[in-house]
Amino acid sequence: MKAIDPMLTEFEQESKSTRRLLERVPTDQLDWRPHTKARTLGELANHIAVVQQRIPFAIQTPTFDLSRGADSAVPSDAAAIVEMFDANVAEAKRMLGGMSDEDLQSVWEGQVGGKTVFSSPKAGVIRAILLNHTIHHRGQLSMYLRQLGVALPSIYGPTADDNPFM
């Protein structure tokens, strides 16, 4: 078994939960934001979709300019965000699946203006940014949707919206 295999299994499981949540994003609320300093619902959902491909792409080299390739424009339709998420997850699985154990242990540096702002073995980048960062934003998205009165899907177990015993 390759070292990436357990991470790919977890990525697949987490992606299914994230997709269920993204499917609930209402197109007519993409411009809504819970606070003036917060991203809009569309910006947050789009960021989640973009990160799925951006991080695996970035770690294909030893260094990456983090100011390069920021989030794309928010589509005007929430279904397009889900489609982008699906395509990016598929591409991430392809890129990550091709990584050797040696490559996963090699150090990666995220840079801005030629200065290193983040350094970690690539396996740590997958854990910290691709998985944990996405989970963090998925939690934010859950709260956005809850505030909009959208029923939440199961993530790690039933929610008050889908549990008949609550």
N, C-alpha and C. Protein backbone atom coordinates (compact mmCIF):
# COMPACT_ATOMS: atom_id res chain seq x y z
N MET A 1 0.84 -1.18 0.00
CA MET A 1 0.00 0.00 0.00
C MET A 1 0.89 1.25 0.00
N LYS A 2 0.50 2.23 -0.80
CA LYS A 2 1.22 3.49 -0.85
C LYS A 2 0.75 4.38 0.31
N ALA A 3 1.63 5.27 0.75
CA ALA A 3 1.30 6.17 1.87
C ALA A 3 0.11 7.07 1.55
N ILE A 4 -0.11 7.37 0.29
CA ILE A 4 -1.22 8.25 -0.09
C ILE A 4 -2.58 7.56 0.03
N ASP A 5 -2.60 6.23 -0.02
CA ASP A 5 -3.88 5.51 -0.06
C ASP A 5 -4.83 5.82 1.09
N PRO A 6 -4.38 5.82 2.37
CA PRO A 6 -5.31 6.17 3.43
C PRO A 6 -5.80 7.62 3.34
N MET A 7 -4.94 8.52 2.87
CA MET A 7 -5.36 9.91 2.70
C MET A 7 -6.39 10.04 1.59
N LEU A 8 -6.22 9.26 0.53
CA LEU A 8 -7.20 9.28 -0.56
C LEU A 8 -8.56 8.74 -0.09
N THR A 9 -8.52 7.70 0.75
CA THR A 9 -9.77 7.16 1.29
C THR A 9 -10.49 8.21 2.13
N GLU A 10 -9.73 8.90 2.98
CA GLU A 10 -10.33 9.95 3.80
C GLU A 10 -10.82 11.11 2.93
N PHE A 11 -10.03 11.49 1.94
CA PHE A 11 -10.42 12.56 1.03
C PHE A 11 -11.75 12.22 0.35
N GLU A 12 -11.88 10.97 -0.10
CA GLU A 12 -13.11 10.53 -0.76
C GLU A 12 -14.31 10.64 0.19
N GLN A 13 -14.15 10.17 1.42
CA GLN A 13 -15.24 10.22 2.40
C GLN A 13 -15.62 11.67 2.72
N GLU A 14 -14.62 12.51 2.97
CA GLU A 14 -14.89 13.91 3.30
C GLU A 14 -15.51 14.63 2.10
N SER A 15 -15.08 14.29 0.90
CA SER A 15 -15.63 14.92 -0.30
C SER A 15 -17.12 14.62 -0.46
N LYS A 16 -17.53 13.42 -0.12
CA LYS A 16 -18.96 13.08 -0.21
C LYS A 16 -19.78 13.95 0.74
N SER A 17 -19.29 14.14 1.97
CA SER A 17 -19.99 14.99 2.93
C SER A 17 -20.02 16.44 2.45
N THR A 18 -18.90 16.91 1.94
CA THR A 18 -18.82 18.28 1.45
C THR A 18 -19.76 18.49 0.28
N ARG A 19 -19.82 17.52 -0.61
CA ARG A 19 -20.71 17.64 -1.77
C ARG A 19 -22.17 17.72 -1.33
N ARG A 20 -22.56 16.90 -0.36
CA ARG A 20 -23.94 16.94 0.13
C ARG A 20 -24.30 18.33 0.63
N LEU A 21 -23.36 18.98 1.27
CA LEU A 21 -23.59 20.33 1.77
C LEU A 21 -23.65 21.33 0.62
N LEU A 22 -22.72 21.24 -0.31
CA LEU A 22 -22.72 22.15 -1.46
C LEU A 22 -24.01 22.03 -2.28
N GLU A 23 -24.58 20.83 -2.33
CA GLU A 23 -25.83 20.63 -3.07
C GLU A 23 -26.98 21.43 -2.48
N ARG A 24 -26.85 21.82 -1.22
CA ARG A 24 -27.92 22.57 -0.54
C ARG A 24 -27.80 24.08 -0.72
N VAL A 25 -26.72 24.55 -1.31
CA VAL A 25 -26.52 26.00 -1.48
C VAL A 25 -27.58 26.54 -2.45
N PRO A 26 -28.39 27.50 -1.99
CA PRO A 26 -29.42 28.07 -2.87
C PRO A 26 -28.85 29.14 -3.81
N THR A 27 -29.10 28.97 -5.09
CA THR A 27 -28.61 29.92 -6.09
C THR A 27 -29.06 31.34 -5.79
N ASP A 28 -30.29 31.50 -5.33
CA ASP A 28 -30.81 32.86 -5.10
C ASP A 28 -30.22 33.53 -3.86
N GLN A 29 -29.33 32.84 -3.14
CA GLN A 29 -28.71 33.41 -1.94
C GLN A 29 -27.18 33.53 -2.07
N LEU A 30 -26.63 33.35 -3.26
CA LEU A 30 -25.18 33.35 -3.43
C LEU A 30 -24.52 34.65 -2.96
N ASP A 31 -25.25 35.77 -3.00
CA ASP A 31 -24.68 37.05 -2.58
C ASP A 31 -24.86 37.33 -1.08
N TRP A 32 -25.54 36.42 -0.37
CA TRP A 32 -25.79 36.63 1.06
C TRP A 32 -24.50 36.44 1.86
N ARG A 33 -24.32 37.28 2.88
CA ARG A 33 -23.18 37.12 3.80
C ARG A 33 -23.68 37.37 5.22
N PRO A 34 -23.16 36.61 6.19
CA PRO A 34 -23.63 36.75 7.57
C PRO A 34 -23.08 37.99 8.28
N HIS A 35 -22.04 38.59 7.72
CA HIS A 35 -21.38 39.73 8.35
C HIS A 35 -20.63 40.49 7.26
N THR A 36 -20.44 41.78 7.44
CA THR A 36 -19.77 42.58 6.42
C THR A 36 -18.34 42.11 6.16
N LYS A 37 -17.68 41.50 7.14
CA LYS A 37 -16.30 41.02 6.95
C LYS A 37 -16.23 39.60 6.42
N ALA A 38 -17.36 38.94 6.29
CA ALA A 38 -17.40 37.54 5.85
C ALA A 38 -17.52 37.44 4.34
N ARG A 39 -17.11 36.30 3.82
CA ARG A 39 -17.33 36.01 2.41
C ARG A 39 -18.82 35.85 2.18
N THR A 40 -19.23 36.04 0.93
CA THR A 40 -20.61 35.73 0.59
C THR A 40 -20.76 34.20 0.57
N LEU A 41 -21.98 33.74 0.57
CA LEU A 41 -22.25 32.31 0.47
C LEU A 41 -21.62 31.75 -0.80
N GLY A 42 -21.77 32.45 -1.91
CA GLY A 42 -21.18 32.00 -3.17
C GLY A 42 -19.67 31.97 -3.13
N GLU A 43 -19.05 32.98 -2.52
CA GLU A 43 -17.59 33.01 -2.43
C GLU A 43 -17.07 31.85 -1.58
N LEU A 44 -17.75 31.57 -0.48
CA LEU A 44 -17.33 30.47 0.39
C LEU A 44 -17.49 29.12 -0.31
N ALA A 45 -18.64 28.90 -0.93
CA ALA A 45 -18.87 27.63 -1.64
C ALA A 45 -17.88 27.48 -2.79
N ASN A 46 -17.62 28.55 -3.51
CA ASN A 46 -16.66 28.52 -4.62
C ASN A 46 -15.26 28.23 -4.10
N HIS A 47 -14.87 28.84 -2.99
CA HIS A 47 -13.54 28.59 -2.41
C HIS A 47 -13.38 27.11 -2.07
N ILE A 48 -14.39 26.53 -1.47
CA ILE A 48 -14.35 25.10 -1.14
C ILE A 48 -14.14 24.27 -2.40
N ALA A 49 -14.83 24.62 -3.47
CA ALA A 49 -14.70 23.87 -4.73
C ALA A 49 -13.32 24.03 -5.34
N VAL A 50 -12.77 25.24 -5.30
CA VAL A 50 -11.47 25.53 -5.93
C VAL A 50 -10.32 24.85 -5.18
N VAL A 51 -10.37 24.86 -3.85
CA VAL A 51 -9.28 24.30 -3.04
C VAL A 51 -9.04 22.82 -3.36
N GLN A 52 -10.08 22.11 -3.75
CA GLN A 52 -9.95 20.68 -4.02
C GLN A 52 -8.91 20.38 -5.10
N GLN A 53 -8.78 21.28 -6.05
CA GLN A 53 -7.81 21.08 -7.12
C GLN A 53 -6.56 21.93 -6.90
N ARG A 54 -6.71 23.09 -6.31
CA ARG A 54 -5.58 24.02 -6.18
C ARG A 54 -4.45 23.43 -5.33
N ILE A 55 -4.78 22.82 -4.22
CA ILE A 55 -3.74 22.29 -3.33
C ILE A 55 -3.01 21.11 -3.98
N PRO A 56 -3.72 20.10 -4.50
CA PRO A 56 -2.97 19.02 -5.17
C PRO A 56 -2.11 19.53 -6.33
N PHE A 57 -2.60 20.55 -7.06
CA PHE A 57 -1.80 21.13 -8.14
C PHE A 57 -0.55 21.80 -7.57
N ALA A 58 -0.73 22.57 -6.50
CA ALA A 58 0.39 23.33 -5.92
C ALA A 58 1.51 22.43 -5.42
N ILE A 59 1.18 21.27 -4.88
CA ILE A 59 2.22 20.42 -4.29
C ILE A 59 2.90 19.51 -5.31
N GLN A 60 2.59 19.69 -6.56
CA GLN A 60 3.28 18.91 -7.59
C GLN A 60 4.70 19.43 -7.81
N THR A 61 5.01 20.59 -7.25
CA THR A 61 6.35 21.18 -7.34
C THR A 61 6.85 21.45 -5.92
N PRO A 62 8.15 21.66 -5.73
CA PRO A 62 8.69 21.91 -4.38
C PRO A 62 8.28 23.25 -3.78
N THR A 63 8.00 24.25 -4.64
CA THR A 63 7.56 25.57 -4.16
C THR A 63 6.38 26.02 -5.01
N PHE A 64 5.58 26.89 -4.44
CA PHE A 64 4.42 27.41 -5.16
C PHE A 64 4.15 28.82 -4.68
N ASP A 65 3.91 29.73 -5.62
CA ASP A 65 3.57 31.11 -5.29
C ASP A 65 2.08 31.15 -4.92
N LEU A 66 1.79 31.35 -3.65
CA LEU A 66 0.42 31.31 -3.16
C LEU A 66 -0.45 32.44 -3.70
N SER A 67 0.17 33.50 -4.20
CA SER A 67 -0.62 34.60 -4.76
C SER A 67 -1.09 34.27 -6.18
N ARG A 68 -0.60 33.17 -6.73
CA ARG A 68 -0.96 32.72 -8.07
C ARG A 68 -2.22 31.86 -8.02
N GLY A 69 -3.08 32.04 -8.97
CA GLY A 69 -4.24 31.15 -9.09
C GLY A 69 -5.24 31.26 -7.97
N ALA A 70 -5.59 32.47 -7.59
CA ALA A 70 -6.59 32.65 -6.54
C ALA A 70 -7.94 32.10 -7.01
N ASP A 71 -8.92 32.15 -6.12
CA ASP A 71 -10.24 31.62 -6.45
C ASP A 71 -10.78 32.23 -7.75
N SER A 72 -11.46 31.41 -8.51
CA SER A 72 -12.09 31.86 -9.74
C SER A 72 -13.33 32.68 -9.40
N ALA A 73 -13.89 33.33 -10.40
CA ALA A 73 -15.13 34.08 -10.20
C ALA A 73 -16.24 33.12 -9.79
N VAL A 74 -17.11 33.60 -8.95
CA VAL A 74 -18.22 32.78 -8.47
C VAL A 74 -19.23 32.59 -9.60
N PRO A 75 -19.54 31.33 -9.92
CA PRO A 75 -20.58 31.10 -10.93
C PRO A 75 -21.92 31.68 -10.47
N SER A 76 -22.80 31.96 -11.41
CA SER A 76 -24.10 32.54 -11.06
C SER A 76 -25.12 31.47 -10.67
N ASP A 77 -24.72 30.21 -10.75
CA ASP A 77 -25.61 29.10 -10.46
C ASP A 77 -24.92 28.15 -9.47
N ALA A 78 -25.57 27.83 -8.38
CA ALA A 78 -24.98 26.95 -7.38
C ALA A 78 -24.67 25.57 -7.94
N ALA A 79 -25.45 25.10 -8.89
CA ALA A 79 -25.19 23.79 -9.50
C ALA A 79 -23.83 23.79 -10.20
N ALA A 80 -23.42 24.92 -10.74
CA ALA A 80 -22.12 25.01 -11.41
C ALA A 80 -20.98 24.87 -10.38
N ILE A 81 -21.21 25.32 -9.16
CA ILE A 81 -20.20 25.16 -8.11
C ILE A 81 -20.04 23.68 -7.78
N VAL A 82 -21.14 22.96 -7.69
CA VAL A 82 -21.10 21.52 -7.42
C VAL A 82 -20.39 20.80 -8.57
N GLU A 83 -20.67 21.17 -9.80
CA GLU A 83 -20.00 20.56 -10.95
C GLU A 83 -18.50 20.81 -10.90
N MET A 84 -18.11 22.04 -10.56
CA MET A 84 -16.68 22.37 -10.45
C MET A 84 -16.05 21.57 -9.32
N PHE A 85 -16.74 21.45 -8.20
CA PHE A 85 -16.25 20.66 -7.08
C PHE A 85 -16.00 19.22 -7.53
N ASP A 86 -16.97 18.62 -8.21
CA ASP A 86 -16.83 17.23 -8.68
C ASP A 86 -15.62 17.08 -9.59
N ALA A 87 -15.47 17.99 -10.54
CA ALA A 87 -14.34 17.92 -11.47
C ALA A 87 -13.02 18.09 -10.73
N ASN A 88 -12.99 19.00 -9.78
CA ASN A 88 -11.75 19.25 -9.03
C ASN A 88 -11.40 18.10 -8.11
N VAL A 89 -12.38 17.46 -7.51
CA VAL A 89 -12.12 16.28 -6.67
C VAL A 89 -11.56 15.16 -7.54
N ALA A 90 -12.14 14.95 -8.70
CA ALA A 90 -11.63 13.89 -9.60
C ALA A 90 -10.19 14.18 -10.01
N GLU A 91 -9.89 15.43 -10.34
CA GLU A 91 -8.53 15.79 -10.74
C GLU A 91 -7.57 15.66 -9.54
N ALA A 92 -8.03 16.04 -8.36
CA ALA A 92 -7.19 15.91 -7.15
C ALA A 92 -6.85 14.44 -6.90
N LYS A 93 -7.83 13.56 -7.03
CA LYS A 93 -7.57 12.13 -6.82
C LYS A 93 -6.55 11.61 -7.82
N ARG A 94 -6.65 12.09 -9.06
CA ARG A 94 -5.71 11.67 -10.08
C ARG A 94 -4.30 12.15 -9.73
N MET A 95 -4.17 13.42 -9.38
CA MET A 95 -2.84 13.98 -9.06
C MET A 95 -2.26 13.35 -7.81
N LEU A 96 -3.06 13.25 -6.77
CA LEU A 96 -2.56 12.70 -5.50
C LEU A 96 -2.22 11.22 -5.65
N GLY A 97 -3.05 10.49 -6.39
CA GLY A 97 -2.81 9.06 -6.57
C GLY A 97 -1.50 8.76 -7.27
N GLY A 98 -0.98 9.70 -8.02
CA GLY A 98 0.28 9.51 -8.72
C GLY A 98 1.51 9.87 -7.90
N MET A 99 1.31 10.31 -6.69
CA MET A 99 2.46 10.73 -5.87
C MET A 99 3.11 9.53 -5.19
N SER A 100 4.42 9.50 -5.22
CA SER A 100 5.18 8.42 -4.58
C SER A 100 5.32 8.70 -3.09
N ASP A 101 5.66 7.68 -2.33
CA ASP A 101 5.91 7.86 -0.90
C ASP A 101 7.04 8.86 -0.67
N GLU A 102 8.05 8.78 -1.49
CA GLU A 102 9.18 9.70 -1.37
C GLU A 102 8.74 11.15 -1.61
N ASP A 103 7.90 11.35 -2.62
CA ASP A 103 7.41 12.70 -2.92
C ASP A 103 6.56 13.23 -1.78
N LEU A 104 5.74 12.38 -1.18
CA LEU A 104 4.89 12.81 -0.06
C LEU A 104 5.71 13.29 1.13
N GLN A 105 6.89 12.74 1.31
CA GLN A 105 7.74 13.13 2.43
C GLN A 105 8.63 14.33 2.11
N SER A 106 8.71 14.71 0.83
CA SER A 106 9.54 15.86 0.46
C SER A 106 8.90 17.15 0.96
N VAL A 107 9.73 18.12 1.26
CA VAL A 107 9.26 19.38 1.82
C VAL A 107 8.74 20.29 0.71
N TRP A 108 7.61 20.88 0.99
CA TRP A 108 6.97 21.82 0.08
C TRP A 108 6.96 23.18 0.75
N GLU A 109 7.14 24.22 -0.05
CA GLU A 109 7.12 25.59 0.47
C GLU A 109 6.09 26.42 -0.27
N GLY A 110 5.17 27.01 0.49
CA GLY A 110 4.25 28.01 -0.05
C GLY A 110 4.91 29.36 0.10
N GLN A 111 4.98 30.11 -1.00
CA GLN A 111 5.69 31.38 -0.99
C GLN A 111 4.79 32.52 -1.46
N VAL A 112 5.13 33.71 -0.99
CA VAL A 112 4.50 34.94 -1.46
C VAL A 112 5.64 35.92 -1.71
N GLY A 113 5.73 36.40 -2.93
CA GLY A 113 6.80 37.32 -3.28
C GLY A 113 8.19 36.74 -3.08
N GLY A 114 8.34 35.44 -3.30
CA GLY A 114 9.64 34.79 -3.15
C GLY A 114 10.01 34.44 -1.72
N LYS A 115 9.17 34.81 -0.75
CA LYS A 115 9.44 34.50 0.66
C LYS A 115 8.56 33.33 1.09
N THR A 116 9.18 32.37 1.78
CA THR A 116 8.44 31.21 2.27
C THR A 116 7.57 31.62 3.45
N VAL A 117 6.26 31.32 3.34
CA VAL A 117 5.32 31.62 4.43
C VAL A 117 4.79 30.33 5.07
N PHE A 118 5.02 29.20 4.41
CA PHE A 118 4.55 27.91 4.92
C PHE A 118 5.47 26.84 4.37
N SER A 119 5.91 25.94 5.23
CA SER A 119 6.79 24.86 4.81
C SER A 119 6.40 23.60 5.57
N SER A 120 6.28 22.50 4.83
CA SER A 120 5.85 21.24 5.43
C SER A 120 6.10 20.11 4.45
N PRO A 121 6.26 18.88 4.95
CA PRO A 121 6.23 17.75 4.02
C PRO A 121 4.90 17.77 3.27
N LYS A 122 4.91 17.35 2.03
CA LYS A 122 3.69 17.39 1.21
C LYS A 122 2.54 16.62 1.85
N ALA A 123 2.84 15.53 2.55
CA ALA A 123 1.77 14.79 3.24
C ALA A 123 1.11 15.68 4.29
N GLY A 124 1.88 16.52 4.94
CA GLY A 124 1.33 17.46 5.93
C GLY A 124 0.48 18.53 5.28
N VAL A 125 0.83 18.95 4.08
CA VAL A 125 0.04 19.94 3.35
C VAL A 125 -1.32 19.34 3.00
N ILE A 126 -1.31 18.09 2.57
CA ILE A 126 -2.57 17.41 2.25
C ILE A 126 -3.47 17.38 3.49
N ARG A 127 -2.89 17.00 4.61
CA ARG A 127 -3.65 16.91 5.86
C ARG A 127 -4.14 18.29 6.31
N ALA A 128 -3.21 19.26 6.40
CA ALA A 128 -3.53 20.56 6.99
C ALA A 128 -4.40 21.44 6.09
N ILE A 129 -4.12 21.43 4.81
CA ILE A 129 -4.83 22.37 3.94
C ILE A 129 -5.95 21.70 3.15
N LEU A 130 -5.63 20.62 2.45
CA LEU A 130 -6.67 20.00 1.64
C LEU A 130 -7.78 19.41 2.51
N LEU A 131 -7.42 18.67 3.55
CA LEU A 131 -8.45 18.05 4.39
C LEU A 131 -8.95 19.00 5.48
N ASN A 132 -8.09 19.41 6.40
CA ASN A 132 -8.54 20.22 7.54
C ASN A 132 -9.10 21.57 7.12
N HIS A 133 -8.46 22.22 6.18
CA HIS A 133 -8.92 23.53 5.71
C HIS A 133 -10.31 23.40 5.09
N THR A 134 -10.52 22.36 4.30
CA THR A 134 -11.84 22.14 3.71
C THR A 134 -12.88 21.85 4.79
N ILE A 135 -12.52 21.04 5.76
CA ILE A 135 -13.46 20.73 6.85
C ILE A 135 -13.83 22.00 7.62
N HIS A 136 -12.84 22.85 7.87
CA HIS A 136 -13.09 24.14 8.53
C HIS A 136 -14.12 24.96 7.74
N HIS A 137 -13.89 25.10 6.44
CA HIS A 137 -14.82 25.88 5.62
C HIS A 137 -16.17 25.20 5.48
N ARG A 138 -16.19 23.88 5.52
CA ARG A 138 -17.47 23.16 5.49
C ARG A 138 -18.29 23.50 6.74
N GLY A 139 -17.60 23.63 7.88
CA GLY A 139 -18.30 24.05 9.10
C GLY A 139 -18.88 25.45 8.95
N GLN A 140 -18.11 26.35 8.36
CA GLN A 140 -18.63 27.70 8.11
C GLN A 140 -19.85 27.63 7.20
N LEU A 141 -19.74 26.84 6.14
CA LEU A 141 -20.85 26.72 5.19
C LEU A 141 -22.09 26.16 5.88
N SER A 142 -21.91 25.23 6.79
CA SER A 142 -23.05 24.68 7.55
C SER A 142 -23.75 25.80 8.32
N MET A 143 -22.97 26.66 8.94
CA MET A 143 -23.57 27.76 9.71
C MET A 143 -24.26 28.77 8.79
N TYR A 144 -23.68 29.05 7.65
CA TYR A 144 -24.32 29.95 6.70
C TYR A 144 -25.70 29.38 6.32
N LEU A 145 -25.70 28.10 5.95
CA LEU A 145 -26.95 27.48 5.51
C LEU A 145 -27.97 27.42 6.64
N ARG A 146 -27.52 27.12 7.85
CA ARG A 146 -28.42 27.09 9.00
C ARG A 146 -29.08 28.46 9.19
N GLN A 147 -28.28 29.53 9.07
CA GLN A 147 -28.82 30.88 9.23
C GLN A 147 -29.84 31.22 8.14
N LEU A 148 -29.70 30.60 6.99
CA LEU A 148 -30.64 30.82 5.89
C LEU A 148 -31.85 29.90 5.96
N GLY A 149 -31.89 29.03 6.96
CA GLY A 149 -33.01 28.12 7.12
C GLY A 149 -32.97 26.91 6.20
N VAL A 150 -31.80 26.61 5.66
CA VAL A 150 -31.63 25.46 4.77
C VAL A 150 -31.39 24.21 5.64
N ALA A 151 -32.11 23.15 5.34
CA ALA A 151 -31.94 21.89 6.07
C ALA A 151 -30.55 21.33 5.80
N LEU A 152 -29.87 20.93 6.86
CA LEU A 152 -28.50 20.43 6.74
C LEU A 152 -28.48 18.91 6.57
N PRO A 153 -27.60 18.43 5.69
CA PRO A 153 -27.46 16.99 5.50
C PRO A 153 -26.56 16.39 6.58
N SER A 154 -26.57 15.10 6.65
CA SER A 154 -25.66 14.39 7.54
C SER A 154 -24.23 14.64 7.10
N ILE A 155 -23.35 14.88 8.08
CA ILE A 155 -21.92 15.00 7.78
C ILE A 155 -21.21 13.84 8.48
N TYR A 156 -21.21 13.83 9.80
CA TYR A 156 -20.62 12.71 10.55
C TYR A 156 -21.70 11.89 11.25
N GLY A 157 -22.91 12.25 11.05
CA GLY A 157 -24.04 11.58 11.65
C GLY A 157 -25.27 12.42 11.38
N PRO A 158 -26.42 11.97 11.84
CA PRO A 158 -27.66 12.70 11.55
C PRO A 158 -27.63 14.12 12.10
N THR A 159 -28.32 15.02 11.41
CA THR A 159 -28.52 16.38 11.89
C THR A 159 -29.93 16.49 12.42
N ALA A 160 -30.24 17.59 13.06
CA ALA A 160 -31.60 17.82 13.56
C ALA A 160 -32.60 17.84 12.39
N ASP A 161 -32.09 18.10 11.18
CA ASP A 161 -32.96 18.17 10.01
C ASP A 161 -33.27 16.81 9.39
N ASP A 162 -32.40 15.83 9.59
CA ASP A 162 -32.64 14.54 8.96
C ASP A 162 -32.76 13.39 9.96
N ASN A 163 -32.82 13.71 11.25
CA ASN A 163 -32.93 12.67 12.27
C ASN A 163 -34.37 12.61 12.76
N PRO A 164 -35.09 11.53 12.50
CA PRO A 164 -36.50 11.44 12.91
C PRO A 164 -36.68 11.36 14.43
N PHE A 165 -35.60 11.15 15.19
CA PHE A 165 -35.71 11.03 16.64
C PHE A 165 -35.47 12.35 17.36
N MET A 166 -35.19 13.41 16.60
CA MET A 166 -34.92 14.70 17.23
C MET A 166 -36.10 15.62 17.09
